[in-house]
Protein backbone atom coordinates (compact mmCIF):
# COMPACT_ATOMS: atom_id res chain seq x y z
CA THR A 1 -86.93 -6.45 -30.30
CA TRP A 2 -84.04 -8.90 -30.54
CA LYS A 3 -81.23 -8.83 -33.04
CA GLN A 4 -81.51 -10.94 -36.18
CA PHE A 5 -80.03 -14.42 -35.78
CA ASP A 6 -79.38 -17.53 -37.90
CA LEU A 7 -80.93 -20.97 -37.45
CA PRO A 8 -78.87 -23.52 -39.45
CA LEU A 9 -81.25 -25.93 -41.20
CA ALA A 10 -78.53 -28.59 -41.23
CA LEU A 11 -78.87 -28.80 -37.45
CA LEU A 12 -82.64 -28.38 -37.13
CA GLY A 13 -83.83 -30.97 -39.65
CA GLY A 14 -86.90 -30.75 -41.88
CA PRO A 15 -89.87 -28.35 -41.86
CA ASN A 16 -91.85 -30.56 -39.48
CA THR A 17 -89.17 -30.44 -36.76
CA LEU A 18 -90.75 -29.45 -33.45
CA LEU A 19 -89.00 -26.52 -31.76
CA GLY A 20 -89.29 -25.32 -28.18
CA ILE A 21 -88.79 -21.62 -27.43
CA GLN A 22 -88.59 -20.13 -23.93
CA CYS A 23 -88.58 -16.46 -23.01
CA TYR A 24 -86.87 -15.41 -19.76
CA ASP A 25 -86.49 -12.33 -17.62
CA TRP A 26 -82.72 -11.91 -17.15
CA ASP A 27 -81.37 -11.61 -13.60
CA LYS A 28 -77.82 -10.64 -12.69
CA ASP A 29 -77.48 -13.54 -10.24
CA GLY A 30 -78.34 -16.11 -12.91
CA GLY A 31 -81.76 -16.93 -11.46
CA HIS A 32 -83.58 -16.01 -14.69
CA ASP A 33 -87.38 -16.13 -14.41
CA LEU A 34 -89.41 -17.92 -17.10
CA ILE A 35 -91.87 -15.55 -18.74
CA GLY A 36 -93.39 -18.09 -21.08
CA PHE A 37 -92.79 -20.89 -23.55
CA LEU A 38 -94.13 -22.22 -26.81
CA SER A 39 -93.77 -25.25 -29.08
CA LEU A 40 -94.17 -25.08 -32.83
CA GLU A 41 -93.01 -26.70 -36.05
CA LEU A 42 -90.11 -25.13 -37.91
CA LYS A 43 -92.29 -24.34 -40.93
CA LYS A 44 -94.58 -22.21 -38.73
CA LEU A 45 -91.64 -20.19 -37.37
CA ALA A 46 -90.52 -19.57 -40.97
CA GLU A 47 -93.77 -17.76 -41.82
CA GLN A 48 -93.06 -14.06 -42.00
CA GLY A 49 -95.57 -12.12 -39.92
CA ALA A 50 -96.45 -15.10 -37.73
CA ARG A 51 -97.77 -14.30 -34.25
CA ILE A 52 -97.45 -17.13 -31.73
CA PRO A 53 -98.50 -16.75 -28.08
CA PHE A 54 -96.16 -17.57 -25.20
CA MET A 55 -97.86 -19.69 -22.54
CA LYS A 56 -97.33 -19.45 -18.79
CA LEU A 57 -95.93 -22.52 -17.02
CA ASN A 58 -98.68 -24.78 -15.62
CA SER A 59 -101.33 -22.48 -17.00
CA LYS A 60 -103.44 -22.10 -20.12
CA SER A 61 -103.15 -18.30 -20.10
CA SER A 62 -100.89 -16.30 -22.41
CA SER A 63 -97.85 -14.33 -21.22
CA GLY A 64 -97.16 -12.43 -24.42
CA THR A 65 -96.59 -13.03 -28.12
CA LEU A 66 -93.64 -13.99 -30.30
CA CYS A 67 -93.73 -11.89 -33.46
CA VAL A 68 -91.77 -13.12 -36.50
CA ASP A 69 -90.97 -9.82 -38.23
CA SER A 70 -88.90 -11.16 -41.13
CA VAL A 71 -87.47 -14.39 -42.51
CA GLN A 72 -84.60 -14.54 -44.97
CA TYR A 73 -83.29 -17.74 -46.52
CA ARG A 74 -79.53 -17.71 -47.01
CA TYR A 75 -77.01 -20.22 -48.30
CA LEU A 76 -74.28 -20.54 -45.70
CA PRO A 77 -71.53 -23.02 -46.61
CA LEU A 78 -70.55 -25.09 -43.61
CA PRO A 79 -67.10 -23.94 -42.47
CA LEU A 80 -64.32 -26.30 -41.49
CA ILE A 81 -64.29 -25.97 -37.73
CA GLY A 82 -61.48 -27.23 -35.53
CA GLY A 83 -62.98 -25.97 -32.27
CA TYR A 84 -64.23 -22.94 -30.42
CA GLN A 85 -62.29 -20.17 -28.75
CA ILE A 86 -64.15 -19.26 -25.56
CA THR A 87 -63.79 -16.22 -23.31
CA MET A 88 -65.38 -16.64 -19.88
CA GLN A 89 -65.89 -14.49 -16.80
CA GLY A 90 -67.26 -15.23 -13.36
CA ALA A 91 -69.47 -13.01 -11.21
CA GLY A 92 -70.69 -13.21 -7.63
CA LEU A 93 -68.67 -16.33 -6.78
CA ASP A 94 -68.72 -17.76 -3.28
CA ALA A 95 -65.85 -16.70 -1.02
CA LYS A 96 -63.99 -19.86 0.06
CA ASP A 97 -60.84 -18.54 1.74
CA GLY A 98 -62.30 -17.54 5.09
CA PRO A 99 -63.53 -14.32 6.77
CA GLY A 100 -62.44 -11.14 5.00
CA LYS A 101 -61.01 -13.07 2.05
CA LYS A 102 -62.32 -14.06 -1.37
CA SER A 103 -61.43 -17.02 -3.62
CA ASP A 104 -58.68 -18.04 -6.05
CA PRO A 105 -60.91 -19.40 -8.83
CA PHE A 106 -60.06 -21.53 -11.83
CA ILE A 107 -62.17 -23.46 -14.35
CA GLU A 108 -61.92 -27.13 -15.30
CA VAL A 109 -63.73 -28.36 -18.43
CA THR A 110 -64.65 -32.05 -18.78
CA ASN A 111 -66.29 -34.13 -21.49
CA THR A 112 -69.25 -35.43 -19.47
CA THR A 113 -69.53 -38.62 -21.51
CA THR A 114 -65.90 -39.73 -21.43
CA GLY A 115 -64.85 -38.05 -18.17
CA MET A 116 -61.74 -36.67 -19.88
CA ILE A 117 -60.51 -33.28 -18.72
CA ILE A 118 -60.34 -31.06 -21.81
CA TYR A 119 -59.02 -27.85 -20.30
CA ARG A 120 -57.95 -26.31 -17.00
CA SER A 121 -57.54 -22.54 -16.70
CA GLU A 122 -55.09 -20.48 -14.71
CA PHE A 123 -56.20 -19.52 -11.21
CA ILE A 124 -56.73 -15.86 -10.32
CA LYS A 125 -55.94 -14.83 -6.78
CA GLN A 126 -58.43 -13.17 -4.44
CA THR A 127 -61.38 -12.29 -6.65
CA LEU A 128 -65.07 -13.13 -6.90
CA SER A 129 -65.31 -11.73 -10.45
CA PRO A 130 -62.52 -13.45 -12.43
CA SER A 131 -61.77 -12.95 -16.12
CA TRP A 132 -59.84 -15.93 -17.46
CA GLU A 133 -57.65 -16.02 -20.54
CA PRO A 134 -59.41 -17.14 -23.75
CA PHE A 135 -59.03 -20.85 -24.50
CA VAL A 136 -59.82 -23.30 -27.29
CA LEU A 137 -62.01 -26.39 -26.94
CA PRO A 138 -61.16 -28.75 -29.85
CA LEU A 139 -64.23 -30.09 -31.66
CA HIS A 140 -62.91 -33.66 -31.72
CA GLU A 141 -62.80 -33.59 -27.90
CA ILE A 142 -66.16 -31.97 -27.13
CA GLY A 143 -68.13 -33.83 -29.84
CA THR A 144 -70.55 -32.64 -32.49
CA LEU A 145 -72.73 -29.59 -32.00
CA LEU A 146 -75.77 -31.24 -30.46
CA ASN A 147 -74.97 -34.58 -28.90
CA ASN A 148 -72.29 -34.03 -26.26
CA ASP A 149 -72.58 -32.58 -22.79
CA ILE A 150 -69.69 -30.54 -21.41
CA THR A 151 -69.23 -29.99 -17.66
CA PHE A 152 -67.64 -26.79 -16.31
CA ASN A 153 -66.52 -26.83 -12.68
CA CYS A 154 -65.18 -23.77 -10.90
CA TYR A 155 -62.76 -24.40 -8.03
CA ASP A 156 -61.04 -22.33 -5.39
CA TRP A 157 -57.31 -23.05 -5.71
CA ASP A 158 -55.45 -24.22 -2.60
CA GLU A 159 -51.69 -24.61 -2.37
CA ASP A 160 -51.96 -28.10 -0.86
CA GLY A 161 -53.95 -29.40 -3.84
CA THR A 162 -57.25 -29.71 -1.96
CA HIS A 163 -59.08 -27.37 -4.32
CA ASP A 164 -62.60 -26.57 -3.07
CA LEU A 165 -65.55 -26.78 -5.46
CA ILE A 166 -67.33 -23.45 -5.83
CA GLY A 167 -69.92 -24.81 -8.26
CA GLY A 168 -70.46 -26.18 -11.72
CA PHE A 169 -72.84 -26.48 -14.65
CA THR A 170 -73.38 -28.75 -17.64
CA CYS A 171 -74.35 -27.62 -21.12
CA ASN A 172 -74.37 -29.21 -24.56
CA SER A 173 -71.71 -28.27 -27.04
CA ALA A 174 -74.17 -26.22 -29.11
CA GLU A 175 -74.56 -23.78 -26.21
CA LEU A 176 -70.86 -22.96 -26.40
CA THR A 177 -71.34 -21.30 -29.79
CA PHE A 178 -73.18 -18.24 -28.46
CA GLN A 179 -73.00 -15.91 -25.50
CA GLY A 180 -74.83 -16.97 -22.38
CA GLN A 181 -74.92 -17.05 -18.60
CA PHE A 182 -74.83 -20.19 -16.49
CA PRO A 183 -75.43 -20.43 -12.72
CA LEU A 184 -72.85 -22.38 -10.72
CA ILE A 185 -74.48 -25.07 -8.58
CA ASN A 186 -72.73 -26.72 -5.66
CA PRO A 187 -74.58 -30.01 -4.88
CA ALA A 188 -73.41 -29.89 -1.25
CA LYS A 189 -75.21 -26.57 -0.70
CA LYS A 190 -78.60 -27.40 -2.24
CA LYS A 191 -81.16 -26.19 0.29
CA PRO A 192 -84.61 -24.60 -0.04
CA MET A 193 -83.24 -21.02 -0.08
CA TYR A 194 -80.10 -21.81 -2.12
CA LYS A 195 -79.99 -20.26 -5.60
CA ASN A 196 -76.41 -20.65 -6.83
CA SER A 197 -72.76 -20.03 -5.98
CA GLY A 198 -72.24 -17.37 -8.63
CA VAL A 199 -72.50 -17.33 -12.41
CA ILE A 200 -70.25 -17.92 -15.40
CA ASN A 201 -70.69 -15.68 -18.44
CA ILE A 202 -69.59 -16.74 -21.91
CA VAL A 203 -68.42 -13.34 -23.10
CA SER A 204 -67.48 -14.46 -26.60
CA SER A 205 -67.26 -17.60 -28.71
CA ARG A 206 -65.79 -17.93 -32.18
CA ASP A 207 -64.92 -20.74 -34.55
CA VAL A 208 -61.29 -21.65 -35.04
CA PRO A 209 -60.07 -23.66 -38.05
CA PRO A 210 -58.60 -27.13 -37.64
CA PRO A 211 -54.79 -27.29 -37.32
CA PRO A 212 -53.02 -27.61 -40.69
CA SER A 213 -51.45 -30.92 -39.65
CA PRO A 214 -51.33 -33.18 -36.58
CA PRO A 215 -48.98 -31.78 -33.92
CA PRO A 216 -45.60 -33.54 -33.78
CA PHE A 217 -45.06 -35.81 -30.82
CA VAL A 218 -42.67 -34.63 -28.12
CA ALA A 219 -39.94 -37.09 -27.12
CA ALA A 220 -39.03 -35.41 -23.83
CA TYR A 221 -40.00 -32.53 -21.56
CA THR A 222 -38.01 -30.16 -19.36
CA VAL A 223 -39.85 -30.08 -16.04
CA LYS A 224 -39.75 -27.58 -13.19
CA CYS A 225 -41.69 -28.66 -10.13
CA SER A 226 -41.97 -28.19 -6.39
CA GLY A 227 -43.78 -29.55 -3.35
CA ALA A 228 -46.03 -27.71 -0.92
CA LYS A 229 -47.15 -28.36 2.67
CA LEU A 230 -45.80 -31.90 2.73
CA GLY A 231 -47.25 -34.07 5.47
CA SER A 232 -44.81 -36.44 7.15
CA PRO A 233 -44.27 -38.44 10.35
CA ILE A 234 -40.81 -36.86 10.28
CA THR A 235 -40.55 -33.48 11.98
CA THR A 236 -38.72 -31.90 9.05
CA PRO A 237 -38.42 -34.13 5.96
CA SER A 238 -35.63 -34.01 3.39
CA PRO A 239 -37.58 -34.97 0.27
CA PHE A 240 -36.61 -36.07 -3.22
CA LEU A 241 -38.86 -36.81 -6.19
CA GLU A 242 -39.11 -39.98 -8.29
CA VAL A 243 -40.99 -40.15 -11.59
CA HIS A 244 -42.21 -43.48 -12.98
CA LEU A 245 -43.65 -44.13 -16.44
CA GLU A 246 -46.41 -46.72 -16.56
CA ILE A 247 -45.94 -49.46 -19.16
CA PRO A 248 -48.06 -52.58 -19.83
CA THR A 249 -45.89 -54.70 -17.50
CA GLY A 250 -45.74 -52.21 -14.61
CA ALA A 251 -43.82 -48.96 -14.17
CA ILE A 252 -40.23 -47.91 -14.82
CA LEU A 253 -38.25 -45.22 -13.04
CA ILE A 254 -37.32 -42.48 -15.50
CA HIS A 255 -36.02 -39.79 -13.13
CA ARG A 256 -34.93 -39.12 -9.55
CA THR A 257 -34.17 -35.59 -8.33
CA GLU A 258 -31.66 -34.29 -5.83
CA ILE A 259 -32.55 -34.29 -2.12
CA ALA A 260 -33.97 -31.02 -0.78
CA SER A 261 -32.63 -30.66 2.73
CA ALA A 262 -34.99 -30.15 5.69
CA THR A 263 -38.08 -28.59 4.11
CA ARG A 264 -41.79 -29.21 3.67
CA SER A 265 -41.88 -27.02 0.55
CA PRO A 266 -39.05 -28.31 -1.70
CA SER A 267 -38.20 -26.70 -5.02
CA PHE A 268 -36.34 -29.07 -7.34
CA SER A 269 -33.89 -28.17 -10.09
CA PRO A 270 -35.28 -28.42 -13.63
CA PHE A 271 -34.89 -31.89 -15.13
CA VAL A 272 -35.62 -33.69 -18.40
CA LEU A 273 -38.19 -36.49 -18.67
CA SER A 274 -37.64 -38.76 -21.67
CA LEU A 275 -40.74 -40.74 -22.64
CA GLY A 276 -39.17 -43.12 -25.15
CA ALA A 277 -41.70 -45.06 -27.24
CA ALA A 278 -44.56 -43.65 -25.13
CA ALA A 279 -43.97 -40.25 -26.74
CA SER A 280 -45.82 -41.38 -29.87
CA SER A 281 -48.99 -42.14 -27.85
CA PRO A 282 -51.73 -39.55 -27.27
CA PRO A 283 -51.02 -37.56 -24.07
CA GLN A 284 -54.21 -38.83 -22.44
CA LEU A 285 -52.87 -42.40 -22.74
CA VAL A 286 -49.46 -41.73 -21.15
CA THR A 287 -49.47 -42.04 -17.35
CA LEU A 288 -46.75 -40.81 -15.00
CA ILE A 289 -46.42 -41.37 -11.24
CA PHE A 290 -44.78 -38.61 -9.18
CA SER A 291 -43.64 -39.89 -5.76
CA LEU A 292 -42.09 -37.85 -2.95
CA VAL A 293 -39.77 -39.66 -0.52
CA SER A 294 -37.81 -38.35 2.49
CA GLN A 295 -34.29 -39.59 3.18
CA ASP A 296 -32.37 -38.94 6.40
CA SER A 297 -28.61 -38.75 6.96
CA ASN A 298 -28.49 -42.50 7.57
CA GLY A 299 -30.09 -43.26 4.22
CA VAL A 300 -33.42 -44.31 5.74
CA GLN A 301 -36.26 -43.52 3.31
CA VAL A 302 -39.86 -42.71 4.25
CA PRO A 303 -42.55 -42.38 1.50
CA LEU A 304 -44.44 -39.09 1.77
CA GLY A 305 -47.03 -39.44 -0.96
CA LYS A 306 -47.62 -39.78 -4.68
CA THR A 307 -49.94 -38.75 -7.47
CA ARG A 308 -50.79 -40.62 -10.68
CA GLN A 309 -51.55 -38.31 -13.61
CA THR A 310 -51.86 -38.50 -17.38
CA LEU A 311 -49.37 -36.51 -19.41
CA ARG A 312 -52.27 -34.45 -20.72
CA ASN A 313 -53.27 -33.43 -17.20
CA LEU A 314 -49.69 -32.49 -16.28
CA LEU A 315 -49.42 -30.19 -19.30
CA MET A 316 -52.44 -28.08 -18.32
CA LYS A 317 -52.46 -24.88 -16.30
CA THR A 318 -52.96 -24.92 -12.51
CA ALA A 319 -51.14 -28.26 -12.29
CA TYR A 320 -51.35 -28.61 -8.50
CA PHE A 321 -52.00 -32.22 -7.49
CA LYS A 322 -52.86 -33.52 -4.05
CA LEU A 323 -50.47 -36.22 -2.86
CA GLN A 324 -52.04 -39.51 -1.85
CA ALA A 325 -50.57 -41.00 1.30
CA SER A 326 -48.67 -44.26 1.08
CA SER A 327 -50.58 -45.15 4.26
CA GLY A 328 -53.47 -43.58 6.10
CA GLY A 329 -55.83 -43.20 3.16
CA ALA A 330 -56.22 -40.81 0.24
CA ASP A 331 -57.55 -37.99 2.43
CA SER A 332 -54.53 -37.79 4.74
CA PRO A 333 -52.90 -34.30 4.71
CA ASN A 334 -49.88 -34.97 2.54
CA GLY A 335 -49.52 -31.73 0.62
CA ALA A 336 -49.22 -31.31 -3.11
CA ILE A 337 -46.89 -31.45 -6.08
CA TYR A 338 -46.88 -28.39 -8.34
CA ILE A 339 -45.79 -28.65 -11.99
CA GLU A 340 -44.52 -25.11 -12.52
CA SER A 341 -43.59 -25.69 -16.15
CA MET A 342 -43.36 -28.63 -18.55
CA LEU A 343 -41.91 -27.68 -21.94
CA PRO A 344 -40.53 -29.67 -24.89
CA ALA A 345 -36.86 -30.44 -24.29
CA GLN A 346 -34.10 -29.62 -26.73
CA PRO A 347 -32.80 -32.67 -28.67
CA ASN A 348 -29.33 -32.45 -27.07
CA GLN A 349 -30.92 -32.61 -23.59
CA ILE A 350 -32.82 -35.89 -24.04
CA PRO A 351 -31.47 -38.81 -21.99
CA PRO A 352 -32.19 -42.47 -22.91
CA VAL A 353 -35.17 -44.23 -21.31
CA PRO A 354 -34.59 -47.48 -19.37
CA LEU A 355 -36.09 -50.52 -21.04
CA GLY A 356 -37.57 -51.70 -17.69
């Protein structure tokens, strides 16, 4: 006997709407077994006392009966929803860090239709059963309840930015509104005996109201960042960082850091990035280029690598980005840039932006 639940008529349509109902046997590893299924019109499901048989897959025999014990019609005013606060946990994830070790998993959420990254979680070190902090998926970014697919990918964090895919799943935005379990599938591991690479459980989901007003734009950010495992033809590079802001006519240099002497893992002093007129644009439309360059005592400069990211992506958690080589291809081992923090700057800290 299942708990009573609501079916919003506004989402289901009229009484002749055809519904599909599946009954599963739950398995801890996410490989739930189908017990049976049925198809019926909404008006039939609304008949109190109805008894509808479940049918076995590829068979005309019954596998049980769905009993409609009670039906209550209620008026539920549609709430103003700004998004959904989701709490997720992982279980039984693949170990990606080698023998005797586990994984450092984090979640990345993408609008499947637009390809835009909506959210990236923190990473949790050395666990196969992570519990991530609750997060909000805004409704205007995931789409309406029924028509948008959302992709969740779980990665194993690596310091050099080459995060390894553990597995992923896609669901529609309606499925985010209730608890559920989703198996993580890694396409590279699909073999006859492969089931999944762990599961993700939606522990809780609740509506959150829309913000009272649009968030104010931020004119500048105070940035703390560092490099990790920098690849270089130089035995021990002395790197500095340049940040360019893309504009319609090209890109303008908006900051250059100090030189970090003789290190492959530089940590730069906090600095302020002023965005100028670009600050009034949505974060997903503002693009910044972070470039690492080594300079020797004679002033000779050697490019180490760069990454091109939207402001939105830089502001998310787990902001470790693989550096693309200036030569040798995108897969050359060039290390990563890590955005440790990126916070709104105080007005008295904001420098002017070059006009280009």
